[in-house]
Amino acid sequence: MVELLPERLISGLARANARTKGRFDTFKNVVVSNVPGPREPRYLGRWRVDQWFSTGQISHGATLNMTVWSYCDQFNLCVMADAVAVRNTWELVGGFRASHEELLAAARAQATPKEMAT
């Protein structure tokens, strides 16, 4: 929803939230981030980065944060939640996993032999 609102409106809401020390923070409760990462491996000096671990954060008014990153054609998901609002984050992760498998199966069914080789 926030992506659909004009940037000036979001900036104004953020300033109002800061001025009221969070009492105005009613325009969000779920944070979702989808960041496409590099497809090629990255290195720290001579060491190759094998895994990309990402976490979001829970802030006042946001009870759930779902962060998705990709790295070298791997899908990485982090789910953080307020324990009172979301009692079992593994249910969400299971839903993501099942949906991801379903999308992969559909893509494979539509792929040409050339696409399957890559």
PDB file of N, CA and C in Angstrom:
ATOM      1  N   MET A   1       0.820  -1.193   0.000  1.00  0.00           N
ATOM      2  CA  MET A   1       0.000   0.000   0.000  1.00  0.00           C
ATOM      3  C   MET A   1       0.859   1.250   0.000  1.00  0.00           C
ATOM      4  N   VAL A   2       1.913   1.268   0.801  1.00  0.00           N
ATOM      5  CA  VAL A   2       2.762   2.451   0.901  1.00  0.00           C
ATOM      6  C   VAL A   2       3.373   2.780  -0.453  1.00  0.00           C
ATOM      7  N   GLU A   3       3.666   1.757  -1.271  1.00  0.00           N
ATOM      8  CA  GLU A   3       4.252   1.996  -2.581  1.00  0.00           C
ATOM      9  C   GLU A   3       3.306   2.772  -3.488  1.00  0.00           C
ATOM     10  N   LEU A   4       2.015   2.711  -3.239  1.00  0.00           N
ATOM     11  CA  LEU A   4       1.043   3.389  -4.077  1.00  0.00           C
ATOM     12  C   LEU A   4       0.832   4.840  -3.675  1.00  0.00           C
ATOM     13  N   LEU A   5       1.252   5.215  -2.494  1.00  0.00           N
ATOM     14  CA  LEU A   5       1.048   6.575  -2.009  1.00  0.00           C
ATOM     15  C   LEU A   5       2.173   7.488  -2.476  1.00  0.00           C
ATOM     16  N   PRO A   6       1.857   8.772  -2.704  1.00  0.00           N
ATOM     17  CA  PRO A   6       2.898   9.713  -3.119  1.00  0.00           C
ATOM     18  C   PRO A   6       3.989   9.851  -2.055  1.00  0.00           C
ATOM     19  N   GLU A   7       5.211  10.037  -2.522  1.00  0.00           N
ATOM     20  CA  GLU A   7       6.354  10.137  -1.610  1.00  0.00           C
ATOM     21  C   GLU A   7       6.187  11.276  -0.604  1.00  0.00           C
ATOM     22  N   ARG A   8       5.632  12.407  -1.042  1.00  0.00           N
ATOM     23  CA  ARG A   8       5.444  13.540  -0.117  1.00  0.00           C
ATOM     24  C   ARG A   8       4.499  13.181   1.031  1.00  0.00           C
ATOM     25  N   LEU A   9       3.471  12.409   0.720  1.00  0.00           N
ATOM     26  CA  LEU A   9       2.532  11.999   1.763  1.00  0.00           C
ATOM     27  C   LEU A   9       3.220  11.080   2.767  1.00  0.00           C
ATOM     28  N   ILE A  10       3.986  10.118   2.273  1.00  0.00           N
ATOM     29  CA  ILE A  10       4.706   9.202   3.160  1.00  0.00           C
ATOM     30  C   ILE A  10       5.701   9.970   4.015  1.00  0.00           C
ATOM     31  N   SER A  11       6.428  10.912   3.403  1.00  0.00           N
ATOM     32  CA  SER A  11       7.389  11.728   4.164  1.00  0.00           C
ATOM     33  C   SER A  11       6.681  12.520   5.248  1.00  0.00           C
ATOM     34  N   GLY A  12       5.523  13.094   4.909  1.00  0.00           N
ATOM     35  CA  GLY A  12       4.759  13.852   5.892  1.00  0.00           C
ATOM     36  C   GLY A  12       4.278  12.983   7.041  1.00  0.00           C
ATOM     37  N   LEU A  13       3.808  11.787   6.725  1.00  0.00           N
ATOM     38  CA  LEU A  13       3.376  10.863   7.773  1.00  0.00           C
ATOM     39  C   LEU A  13       4.545  10.459   8.668  1.00  0.00           C
ATOM     40  N   ALA A  14       5.701  10.231   8.063  1.00  0.00           N
ATOM     41  CA  ALA A  14       6.886   9.863   8.851  1.00  0.00           C
ATOM     42  C   ALA A  14       7.294  11.006   9.773  1.00  0.00           C
ATOM     43  N   ARG A  15       7.249  12.253   9.277  1.00  0.00           N
ATOM     44  CA  ARG A  15       7.591  13.411  10.129  1.00  0.00           C
ATOM     45  C   ARG A  15       6.583  13.558  11.270  1.00  0.00           C
ATOM     46  N   ALA A  16       5.296  13.380  10.954  1.00  0.00           N
ATOM     47  CA  ALA A  16       4.268  13.475  11.995  1.00  0.00           C
ATOM     48  C   ALA A  16       4.477  12.385  13.043  1.00  0.00           C
ATOM     49  N   ASN A  17       4.832  11.211  12.600  1.00  0.00           N
ATOM     50  CA  ASN A  17       5.099  10.116  13.527  1.00  0.00           C
ATOM     51  C   ASN A  17       6.274  10.457  14.436  1.00  0.00           C
ATOM     52  N   ALA A  18       7.320  11.037  13.868  1.00  0.00           N
ATOM     53  CA  ALA A  18       8.492  11.411  14.669  1.00  0.00           C
ATOM     54  C   ALA A  18       8.126  12.490  15.685  1.00  0.00           C
ATOM     55  N   ARG A  19       7.339  13.488  15.263  1.00  0.00           N
ATOM     56  CA  ARG A  19       6.954  14.576  16.172  1.00  0.00           C
ATOM     57  C   ARG A  19       6.088  14.078  17.329  1.00  0.00           C
ATOM     58  N   THR A  20       5.257  13.096  17.059  1.00  0.00           N
ATOM     59  CA  THR A  20       4.353  12.604  18.102  1.00  0.00           C
ATOM     60  C   THR A  20       4.920  11.396  18.843  1.00  0.00           C
ATOM     61  N   LYS A  21       6.194  11.122  18.605  1.00  0.00           N
ATOM     62  CA  LYS A  21       6.895  10.020  19.285  1.00  0.00           C
ATOM     63  C   LYS A  21       6.162   8.682  19.133  1.00  0.00           C
ATOM     64  N   GLY A  22       5.653   8.421  17.917  1.00  0.00           N
ATOM     65  CA  GLY A  22       5.049   7.130  17.627  1.00  0.00           C
ATOM     66  C   GLY A  22       3.560   7.029  17.868  1.00  0.00           C
ATOM     67  N   ARG A  23       2.954   8.038  18.493  1.00  0.00           N
ATOM     68  CA  ARG A  23       1.517   7.957  18.769  1.00  0.00           C
ATOM     69  C   ARG A  23       0.689   8.023  17.490  1.00  0.00           C
ATOM     70  N   PHE A  24       1.288   8.516  16.394  1.00  0.00           N
ATOM     71  CA  PHE A  24       0.578   8.675  15.125  1.00  0.00           C
ATOM     72  C   PHE A  24       0.814   7.485  14.198  1.00  0.00           C
ATOM     73  N   ASP A  25       1.540   6.509  14.645  1.00  0.00           N
ATOM     74  CA  ASP A  25       2.000   5.406  13.796  1.00  0.00           C
ATOM     75  C   ASP A  25       0.892   4.391  13.540  1.00  0.00           C
ATOM     76  N   THR A  26      -0.079   4.776  12.726  1.00  0.00           N
ATOM     77  CA  THR A  26      -1.181   3.868  12.437  1.00  0.00           C
ATOM     78  C   THR A  26      -1.245   3.473  10.972  1.00  0.00           C
ATOM     79  N   PHE A  27      -0.271   3.871  10.165  1.00  0.00           N
ATOM     80  CA  PHE A  27      -0.360   3.597   8.735  1.00  0.00           C
ATOM     81  C   PHE A  27       0.440   2.377   8.300  1.00  0.00           C
ATOM     82  N   LYS A  28       0.939   1.603   9.238  1.00  0.00           N
ATOM     83  CA  LYS A  28       1.635   0.366   8.863  1.00  0.00           C
ATOM     84  C   LYS A  28       1.565  -0.630  10.011  1.00  0.00           C
ATOM     85  N   ASN A  29       1.558  -1.910   9.655  1.00  0.00           N
ATOM     86  CA  ASN A  29       1.706  -2.950  10.662  1.00  0.00           C
ATOM     87  C   ASN A  29       2.460  -4.154  10.104  1.00  0.00           C
ATOM     88  N   VAL A  30       2.673  -4.179   8.785  1.00  0.00           N
ATOM     89  CA  VAL A  30       3.445  -5.237   8.145  1.00  0.00           C
ATOM     90  C   VAL A  30       4.460  -4.590   7.216  1.00  0.00           C
ATOM     91  N   VAL A  31       5.700  -5.027   7.316  1.00  0.00           N
ATOM     92  CA  VAL A  31       6.754  -4.530   6.432  1.00  0.00           C
ATOM     93  C   VAL A  31       7.183  -5.686   5.538  1.00  0.00           C
ATOM     94  N   VAL A  32       7.177  -5.451   4.230  1.00  0.00           N
ATOM     95  CA  VAL A  32       7.596  -6.461   3.263  1.00  0.00           C
ATOM     96  C   VAL A  32       8.680  -5.850   2.395  1.00  0.00           C
ATOM     97  N   SER A  33       9.781  -6.551   2.271  1.00  0.00           N
ATOM     98  CA  SER A  33      10.898  -6.067   1.464  1.00  0.00           C
ATOM     99  C   SER A  33      11.332  -7.171   0.511  1.00  0.00           C
ATOM    100  N   ASN A  34      11.484  -6.826  -0.748  1.00  0.00           N
ATOM    101  CA  ASN A  34      11.921  -7.773  -1.769  1.00  0.00           C
ATOM    102  C   ASN A  34      13.108  -7.142  -2.483  1.00  0.00           C
ATOM    103  N   VAL A  35      14.295  -7.644  -2.227  1.00  0.00           N
ATOM    104  CA  VAL A  35      15.511  -7.035  -2.763  1.00  0.00           C
ATOM    105  C   VAL A  35      16.218  -8.018  -3.688  1.00  0.00           C
ATOM    106  N   PRO A  36      16.270  -7.699  -4.985  1.00  0.00           N
ATOM    107  CA  PRO A  36      17.040  -8.576  -5.869  1.00  0.00           C
ATOM    108  C   PRO A  36      18.530  -8.394  -5.606  1.00  0.00           C
ATOM    109  N   GLY A  37      19.190  -9.473  -5.297  1.00  0.00           N
ATOM    110  CA  GLY A  37      20.621  -9.417  -5.016  1.00  0.00           C
ATOM    111  C   GLY A  37      21.436  -9.812  -6.225  1.00  0.00           C
ATOM    112  N   PRO A  38      22.734  -9.878  -6.059  1.00  0.00           N
ATOM    113  CA  PRO A  38      23.602 -10.208  -7.189  1.00  0.00           C
ATOM    114  C   PRO A  38      23.444 -11.665  -7.625  1.00  0.00           C
ATOM    115  N   ARG A  39      23.562 -11.896  -8.909  1.00  0.00           N
ATOM    116  CA  ARG A  39      23.501 -13.264  -9.436  1.00  0.00           C
ATOM    117  C   ARG A  39      24.876 -13.910  -9.451  1.00  0.00           C
ATOM    118  N   GLU A  40      25.908 -13.086  -9.422  1.00  0.00           N
ATOM    119  CA  GLU A  40      27.271 -13.609  -9.413  1.00  0.00           C
ATOM    120  C   GLU A  40      27.771 -13.620  -7.975  1.00  0.00           C
ATOM    121  N   PRO A  41      28.662 -14.555  -7.636  1.00  0.00           N
ATOM    122  CA  PRO A  41      29.183 -14.617  -6.265  1.00  0.00           C
ATOM    123  C   PRO A  41      29.946 -13.349  -5.884  1.00  0.00           C
ATOM    124  N   ARG A  42      29.901 -13.031  -4.630  1.00  0.00           N
ATOM    125  CA  ARG A  42      30.664 -11.908  -4.079  1.00  0.00           C
ATOM    126  C   ARG A  42      31.751 -12.476  -3.185  1.00  0.00           C
ATOM    127  N   TYR A  43      32.767 -11.659  -2.960  1.00  0.00           N
ATOM    128  CA  TYR A  43      33.923 -12.098  -2.186  1.00  0.00           C
ATOM    129  C   TYR A  43      34.242 -11.076  -1.110  1.00  0.00           C
ATOM    130  N   LEU A  44      34.679 -11.555   0.030  1.00  0.00           N
ATOM    131  CA  LEU A  44      35.253 -10.737   1.091  1.00  0.00           C
ATOM    132  C   LEU A  44      36.735 -11.057   1.072  1.00  0.00           C
ATOM    133  N   GLY A  45      37.495 -10.208   0.396  1.00  0.00           N
ATOM    134  CA  GLY A  45      38.895 -10.540   0.182  1.00  0.00           C
ATOM    135  C   GLY A  45      38.977 -11.746  -0.728  1.00  0.00           C
ATOM    136  N   ARG A  46      39.598 -12.800  -0.258  1.00  0.00           N
ATOM    137  CA  ARG A  46      39.702 -14.017  -1.071  1.00  0.00           C
ATOM    138  C   ARG A  46      38.629 -15.047  -0.737  1.00  0.00           C
ATOM    139  N   TRP A  47      37.768 -14.755   0.235  1.00  0.00           N
ATOM    140  CA  TRP A  47      36.739 -15.700   0.659  1.00  0.00           C
ATOM    141  C   TRP A  47      35.431 -15.447  -0.090  1.00  0.00           C
ATOM    142  N   ARG A  48      34.925 -16.504  -0.680  1.00  0.00           N
ATOM    143  CA  ARG A  48      33.665 -16.430  -1.422  1.00  0.00           C
ATOM    144  C   ARG A  48      32.492 -16.442  -0.442  1.00  0.00           C
ATOM    145  N   VAL A  49      31.543 -15.566  -0.652  1.00  0.00           N
ATOM    146  CA  VAL A  49      30.322 -15.538   0.153  1.00  0.00           C
ATOM    147  C   VAL A  49      29.397 -16.627  -0.392  1.00  0.00           C
ATOM    148  N   ASP A  50      29.117 -17.646   0.432  1.00  0.00           N
ATOM    149  CA  ASP A  50      28.278 -18.766  -0.001  1.00  0.00           C
ATOM    150  C   ASP A  50      26.802 -18.532   0.280  1.00  0.00           C
ATOM    151  N   GLN A  51      26.496 -17.882   1.383  1.00  0.00           N
ATOM    152  CA  GLN A  51      25.110 -17.649   1.777  1.00  0.00           C
ATOM    153  C   GLN A  51      24.898 -16.172   2.074  1.00  0.00           C
ATOM    154  N   TRP A  52      23.700 -15.724   1.853  1.00  0.00           N
ATOM    155  CA  TRP A  52      23.320 -14.338   2.103  1.00  0.00           C
ATOM    156  C   TRP A  52      22.220 -14.388   3.146  1.00  0.00           C
ATOM    157  N   PHE A  53      22.486 -13.911   4.339  1.00  0.00           N
ATOM    158  CA  PHE A  53      21.500 -13.954   5.417  1.00  0.00           C
ATOM    159  C   PHE A  53      21.014 -12.546   5.681  1.00  0.00           C
ATOM    160  N   SER A  54      19.741 -12.353   5.640  1.00  0.00           N
ATOM    161  CA  SER A  54      19.173 -11.023   5.804  1.00  0.00           C
ATOM    162  C   SER A  54      18.133 -11.039   6.909  1.00  0.00           C
ATOM    163  N   THR A  55      18.080  -9.976   7.659  1.00  0.00           N
ATOM    164  CA  THR A  55      17.014  -9.828   8.647  1.00  0.00           C
ATOM    165  C   THR A  55      16.387  -8.457   8.497  1.00  0.00           C
ATOM    166  N   GLY A  56      15.141  -8.390   8.804  1.00  0.00           N
ATOM    167  CA  GLY A  56      14.468  -7.108   8.862  1.00  0.00           C
ATOM    168  C   GLY A  56      14.436  -6.675  10.313  1.00  0.00           C
ATOM    169  N   GLN A  57      13.547  -5.798  10.617  1.00  0.00           N
ATOM    170  CA  GLN A  57      13.428  -5.374  12.009  1.00  0.00           C
ATOM    171  C   GLN A  57      11.966  -5.134  12.336  1.00  0.00           C
ATOM    172  N   ILE A  58      11.652  -5.279  13.581  1.00  0.00           N
ATOM    173  CA  ILE A  58      10.318  -4.973  14.065  1.00  0.00           C
ATOM    174  C   ILE A  58      10.391  -3.602  14.716  1.00  0.00           C
ATOM    175  N   SER A  59       9.555  -2.698  14.242  1.00  0.00           N
ATOM    176  CA  SER A  59       9.540  -1.352  14.813  1.00  0.00           C
ATOM    177  C   SER A  59       8.159  -1.091  15.402  1.00  0.00           C
ATOM    178  N   HIS A  60       8.044   0.000  16.112  1.00  0.00           N
ATOM    179  CA  HIS A  60       6.783   0.346  16.754  1.00  0.00           C
ATOM    180  C   HIS A  60       5.672   0.383  15.711  1.00  0.00           C
ATOM    181  N   GLY A  61       4.610  -0.339  15.949  1.00  0.00           N
ATOM    182  CA  GLY A  61       3.476  -0.337  15.039  1.00  0.00           C
ATOM    183  C   GLY A  61       3.551  -1.408  13.966  1.00  0.00           C
ATOM    184  N   ALA A  62       4.713  -1.991  13.756  1.00  0.00           N
ATOM    185  CA  ALA A  62       4.860  -3.053  12.753  1.00  0.00           C
ATOM    186  C   ALA A  62       5.066  -4.369  13.491  1.00  0.00           C
ATOM    187  N   THR A  63       4.132  -5.280  13.337  1.00  0.00           N
ATOM    188  CA  THR A  63       4.217  -6.539  14.074  1.00  0.00           C
ATOM    189  C   THR A  63       4.834  -7.668  13.265  1.00  0.00           C
ATOM    190  N   LEU A  64       4.999  -7.452  11.958  1.00  0.00           N
ATOM    191  CA  LEU A  64       5.524  -8.506  11.093  1.00  0.00           C
ATOM    192  C   LEU A  64       6.452  -7.902  10.051  1.00  0.00           C
ATOM    193  N   ASN A  65       7.620  -8.513   9.876  1.00  0.00           N
ATOM    194  CA  ASN A  65       8.568  -8.096   8.842  1.00  0.00           C
ATOM    195  C   ASN A  65       8.948  -9.328   8.036  1.00  0.00           C
ATOM    196  N   MET A  66       8.727  -9.257   6.725  1.00  0.00           N
ATOM    197  CA  MET A  66       9.116 -10.338   5.815  1.00  0.00           C
ATOM    198  C   MET A  66      10.111  -9.760   4.817  1.00  0.00           C
ATOM    199  N   THR A  67      11.328 -10.262   4.850  1.00  0.00           N
ATOM    200  CA  THR A  67      12.386  -9.769   3.974  1.00  0.00           C
ATOM    201  C   THR A  67      12.825 -10.890   3.044  1.00  0.00           C
ATOM    202  N   VAL A  68      12.825 -10.606   1.751  1.00  0.00           N
ATOM    203  CA  VAL A  68      13.252 -11.570   0.741  1.00  0.00           C
ATOM    204  C   VAL A  68      14.454 -11.001   0.001  1.00  0.00           C
ATOM    205  N   TRP A  69      15.485 -11.801  -0.099  1.00  0.00           N
ATOM    206  CA  TRP A  69      16.682 -11.470  -0.881  1.00  0.00           C
ATOM    207  C   TRP A  69      16.949 -12.610  -1.843  1.00  0.00           C
ATOM    208  N   SER A  70      17.575 -12.275  -2.948  1.00  0.00           N
ATOM    209  CA  SER A  70      18.104 -13.329  -3.810  1.00  0.00           C
ATOM    210  C   SER A  70      19.624 -13.185  -3.833  1.00  0.00           C
ATOM    211  N   TYR A  71      20.299 -14.302  -4.007  1.00  0.00           N
ATOM    212  CA  TYR A  71      21.759 -14.298  -4.115  1.00  0.00           C
ATOM    213  C   TYR A  71      22.172 -15.528  -4.909  1.00  0.00           C
ATOM    214  N   CYS A  72      22.847 -15.313  -6.017  1.00  0.00           N
ATOM    215  CA  CYS A  72      23.322 -16.419  -6.875  1.00  0.00           C
ATOM    216  C   CYS A  72      22.191 -17.408  -7.168  1.00  0.00           C
ATOM    217  N   ASP A  73      21.048 -16.866  -7.566  1.00  0.00           N
ATOM    218  CA  ASP A  73      19.867 -17.665  -7.908  1.00  0.00           C
ATOM    219  C   ASP A  73      19.309 -18.466  -6.735  1.00  0.00           C
ATOM    220  N   GLN A  74      19.597 -18.040  -5.517  1.00  0.00           N
ATOM    221  CA  GLN A  74      19.001 -18.638  -4.323  1.00  0.00           C
ATOM    222  C   GLN A  74      17.959 -17.669  -3.770  1.00  0.00           C
ATOM    223  N   PHE A  75      16.910 -18.215  -3.208  1.00  0.00           N
ATOM    224  CA  PHE A  75      15.832 -17.449  -2.601  1.00  0.00           C
ATOM    225  C   PHE A  75      16.029 -17.484  -1.096  1.00  0.00           C
ATOM    226  N   ASN A  76      16.159 -16.321  -0.471  1.00  0.00           N
ATOM    227  CA  ASN A  76      16.380 -16.242   0.976  1.00  0.00           C
ATOM    228  C   ASN A  76      15.239 -15.456   1.610  1.00  0.00           C
ATOM    229  N   LEU A  77      14.640 -16.014   2.634  1.00  0.00           N
ATOM    230  CA  LEU A  77      13.496 -15.401   3.291  1.00  0.00           C
ATOM    231  C   LEU A  77      13.756 -15.281   4.781  1.00  0.00           C
ATOM    232  N   CYS A  78      13.467 -14.109   5.330  1.00  0.00           N
ATOM    233  CA  CYS A  78      13.532 -13.901   6.774  1.00  0.00           C
ATOM    234  C   CYS A  78      12.163 -13.408   7.234  1.00  0.00           C
ATOM    235  N   VAL A  79      11.621 -14.046   8.238  1.00  0.00           N
ATOM    236  CA  VAL A  79      10.345 -13.631   8.813  1.00  0.00           C
ATOM    237  C   VAL A  79      10.581 -13.339  10.284  1.00  0.00           C
ATOM    238  N   MET A  80      10.296 -12.107  10.686  1.00  0.00           N
ATOM    239  CA  MET A  80      10.387 -11.717  12.097  1.00  0.00           C
ATOM    240  C   MET A  80       9.034 -11.154  12.500  1.00  0.00           C
ATOM    241  N   ALA A  81       8.588 -11.516  13.691  1.00  0.00           N
ATOM    242  CA  ALA A  81       7.266 -11.079  14.108  1.00  0.00           C
ATOM    243  C   ALA A  81       7.196 -10.886  15.607  1.00  0.00           C
ATOM    244  N   ASP A  82       6.261 -10.052  16.002  1.00  0.00           N
ATOM    245  CA  ASP A  82       5.917  -9.907  17.405  1.00  0.00           C
ATOM    246  C   ASP A  82       5.255 -11.217  17.835  1.00  0.00           C
ATOM    247  N   ALA A  83       5.758 -11.834  18.882  1.00  0.00           N
ATOM    248  CA  ALA A  83       5.289 -13.160  19.308  1.00  0.00           C
ATOM    249  C   ALA A  83       3.825 -13.166  19.733  1.00  0.00           C
ATOM    250  N   VAL A  84       3.316 -12.027  20.169  1.00  0.00           N
ATOM    251  CA  VAL A  84       1.913 -11.967  20.574  1.00  0.00           C
ATOM    252  C   VAL A  84       1.010 -11.913  19.344  1.00  0.00           C
ATOM    253  N   ALA A  85       1.420 -11.154  18.338  1.00  0.00           N
ATOM    254  CA  ALA A  85       0.596 -10.981  17.137  1.00  0.00           C
ATOM    255  C   ALA A  85       0.660 -12.188  16.206  1.00  0.00           C
ATOM    256  N   VAL A  86       1.837 -12.771  16.062  1.00  0.00           N
ATOM    257  CA  VAL A  86       2.022 -13.923  15.171  1.00  0.00           C
ATOM    258  C   VAL A  86       2.662 -15.029  16.000  1.00  0.00           C
ATOM    259  N   ARG A  87       1.890 -15.998  16.365  1.00  0.00           N
ATOM    260  CA  ARG A  87       2.379 -17.031  17.278  1.00  0.00           C
ATOM    261  C   ARG A  87       3.302 -18.051  16.611  1.00  0.00           C
ATOM    262  N   ASN A  88       3.133 -18.283  15.304  1.00  0.00           N
ATOM    263  CA  ASN A  88       3.937 -19.308  14.642  1.00  0.00           C
ATOM    264  C   ASN A  88       4.413 -18.810  13.278  1.00  0.00           C
ATOM    265  N   THR A  89       5.600 -18.229  13.245  1.00  0.00           N
ATOM    266  CA  THR A  89       6.131 -17.720  11.975  1.00  0.00           C
ATOM    267  C   THR A  89       6.463 -18.857  11.014  1.00  0.00           C
ATOM    268  N   TRP A  90       6.682 -20.060  11.544  1.00  0.00           N
ATOM    269  CA  TRP A  90       6.993 -21.197  10.670  1.00  0.00           C
ATOM    270  C   TRP A  90       5.832 -21.534   9.750  1.00  0.00           C
ATOM    271  N   GLU A  91       4.602 -21.215  10.162  1.00  0.00           N
ATOM    272  CA  GLU A  91       3.452 -21.396   9.267  1.00  0.00           C
ATOM    273  C   GLU A  91       3.595 -20.505   8.046  1.00  0.00           C
ATOM    274  N   LEU A  92       3.993 -19.256   8.263  1.00  0.00           N
ATOM    275  CA  LEU A  92       4.213 -18.339   7.143  1.00  0.00           C
ATOM    276  C   LEU A  92       5.324 -18.840   6.237  1.00  0.00           C
ATOM    277  N   VAL A  93       6.414 -19.279   6.831  1.00  0.00           N
ATOM    278  CA  VAL A  93       7.542 -19.798   6.056  1.00  0.00           C
ATOM    279  C   VAL A  93       7.088 -21.004   5.231  1.00  0.00           C
ATOM    280  N   GLY A  94       6.302 -21.882   5.825  1.00  0.00           N
ATOM    281  CA  GLY A  94       5.783 -23.039   5.097  1.00  0.00           C
ATOM    282  C   GLY A  94       4.926 -22.631   3.911  1.00  0.00           C
ATOM    283  N   GLY A  95       4.126 -21.595   4.091  1.00  0.00           N
ATOM    284  CA  GLY A  95       3.313 -21.081   2.989  1.00  0.00           C
ATOM    285  C   GLY A  95       4.168 -20.522   1.864  1.00  0.00           C
ATOM    286  N   PHE A  96       5.220 -19.784   2.235  1.00  0.00           N
ATOM    287  CA  PHE A  96       6.149 -19.273   1.227  1.00  0.00           C
ATOM    288  C   PHE A  96       6.796 -20.429   0.473  1.00  0.00           C
ATOM    289  N   ARG A  97       7.246 -21.419   1.218  1.00  0.00           N
ATOM    290  CA  ARG A  97       7.935 -22.564   0.598  1.00  0.00           C
ATOM    291  C   ARG A  97       7.005 -23.289  -0.385  1.00  0.00           C
ATOM    292  N   ALA A  98       5.775 -23.555   0.034  1.00  0.00           N
ATOM    293  CA  ALA A  98       4.820 -24.251  -0.830  1.00  0.00           C
ATOM    294  C   ALA A  98       4.512 -23.430  -2.085  1.00  0.00           C
ATOM    295  N   SER A  99       4.312 -22.129  -1.912  1.00  0.00           N
ATOM    296  CA  SER A  99       4.029 -21.262  -3.059  1.00  0.00           C
ATOM    297  C   SER A  99       5.222 -21.180  -3.999  1.00  0.00           C
ATOM    298  N   HIS A 100       6.420 -21.130  -3.438  1.00  0.00           N
ATOM    299  CA  HIS A 100       7.632 -21.077  -4.253  1.00  0.00           C
ATOM    300  C   HIS A 100       7.757 -22.350  -5.086  1.00  0.00           C
ATOM    301  N   GLU A 101       7.521 -23.495  -4.476  1.00  0.00           N
ATOM    302  CA  GLU A 101       7.574 -24.769  -5.210  1.00  0.00           C
ATOM    303  C   GLU A 101       6.519 -24.813  -6.314  1.00  0.00           C
ATOM    304  N   GLU A 102       5.339 -24.287  -6.018  1.00  0.00           N
ATOM    305  CA  GLU A 102       4.265 -24.251  -7.012  1.00  0.00           C
ATOM    306  C   GLU A 102       4.655 -23.374  -8.206  1.00  0.00           C
ATOM    307  N   LEU A 103       5.234 -22.214  -7.928  1.00  0.00           N
ATOM    308  CA  LEU A 103       5.686 -21.324  -9.008  1.00  0.00           C
ATOM    309  C   LEU A 103       6.796 -21.966  -9.832  1.00  0.00           C
ATOM    310  N   LEU A 104       7.740 -22.621  -9.170  1.00  0.00           N
ATOM    311  CA  LEU A 104       8.814 -23.302  -9.893  1.00  0.00           C
ATOM    312  C   LEU A 104       8.258 -24.394 -10.804  1.00  0.00           C
ATOM    313  N   ALA A 105       7.309 -25.165 -10.300  1.00  0.00           N
ATOM    314  CA  ALA A 105       6.710 -26.227 -11.110  1.00  0.00           C
ATOM    315  C   ALA A 105       5.997 -25.650 -12.330  1.00  0.00           C
ATOM    316  N   ALA A 106       5.275 -24.549 -12.141  1.00  0.00           N
ATOM    317  CA  ALA A 106       4.582 -23.914 -13.264  1.00  0.00           C
ATOM    318  C   ALA A 106       5.580 -23.377 -14.286  1.00  0.00           C
ATOM    319  N   ALA A 107       6.670 -22.779 -13.809  1.00  0.00           N
ATOM    320  CA  ALA A 107       7.691 -22.253 -14.718  1.00  0.00           C
ATOM    321  C   ALA A 107       8.361 -23.382 -15.488  1.00  0.00           C
ATOM    322  N   ARG A 108       8.645 -24.469 -14.799  1.00  0.00           N
ATOM    323  CA  ARG A 108       9.275 -25.622 -15.472  1.00  0.00           C
ATOM    324  C   ARG A 108       8.342 -26.217 -16.526  1.00  0.00           C
ATOM    325  N   ALA A 109       7.058 -26.242 -16.250  1.00  0.00           N
ATOM    326  CA  ALA A 109       6.092 -26.799 -17.198  1.00  0.00           C
ATOM    327  C   ALA A 109       6.001 -25.955 -18.466  1.00  0.00           C
ATOM    328  N   GLN A 110       6.258 -24.664 -18.346  1.00  0.00           N
ATOM    329  CA  GLN A 110       6.174 -23.753 -19.485  1.00  0.00           C
ATOM    330  C   GLN A 110       7.507 -23.554 -20.192  1.00  0.00           C
ATOM    331  N   ALA A 111       8.594 -24.003 -19.588  1.00  0.00           N
ATOM    332  CA  ALA A 111       9.936 -23.729 -20.115  1.00  0.00           C
ATOM    333  C   ALA A 111      10.214 -24.534 -21.378  1.00  0.00           C
ATOM    334  N   THR A 112      10.992 -23.923 -22.261  1.00  0.00           N
ATOM    335  CA  THR A 112      11.464 -24.621 -23.460  1.00  0.00           C
ATOM    336  C   THR A 112      12.695 -25.442 -23.081  1.00  0.00           C
ATOM    337  N   PRO A 113      13.085 -26.420 -23.902  1.00  0.00           N
ATOM    338  CA  PRO A 113      14.297 -27.197 -23.594  1.00  0.00           C
ATOM    339  C   PRO A 113      15.537 -26.320 -23.406  1.00  0.00           C
ATOM    340  N   LYS A 114      15.643 -25.238 -24.180  1.00  0.00           N
ATOM    341  CA  LYS A 114      16.795 -24.333 -24.045  1.00  0.00           C
ATOM    342  C   LYS A 114      16.789 -23.658 -22.677  1.00  0.00           C
ATOM    343  N   GLU A 115      15.608 -23.206 -22.235  1.00  0.00           N
ATOM    344  CA  GLU A 115      15.501 -22.561 -20.925  1.00  0.00           C
ATOM    345  C   GLU A 115      15.796 -23.540 -19.795  1.00  0.00           C
ATOM    346  N   MET A 116      15.416 -24.784 -19.966  1.00  0.00           N
ATOM    347  CA  MET A 116      15.664 -25.800 -18.939  1.00  0.00           C
ATOM    348  C   MET A 116      17.156 -26.066 -18.765  1.00  0.00           C
ATOM    349  N   ALA A 117      17.942 -25.844 -19.817  1.00  0.00           N
ATOM    350  CA  ALA A 117      19.385 -26.103 -19.755  1.00  0.00           C
ATOM    351  C   ALA A 117      20.122 -25.033 -18.974  1.00  0.00           C
ATOM    352  N   THR A 118      19.503 -23.870 -18.777  1.00  0.00           N
ATOM    353  CA  THR A 118      20.191 -22.780 -18.058  1.00  0.00           C
ATOM    354  C   THR A 118      19.776 -22.733 -16.623  1.00  0.00           C
TER     355      THR A 118
END
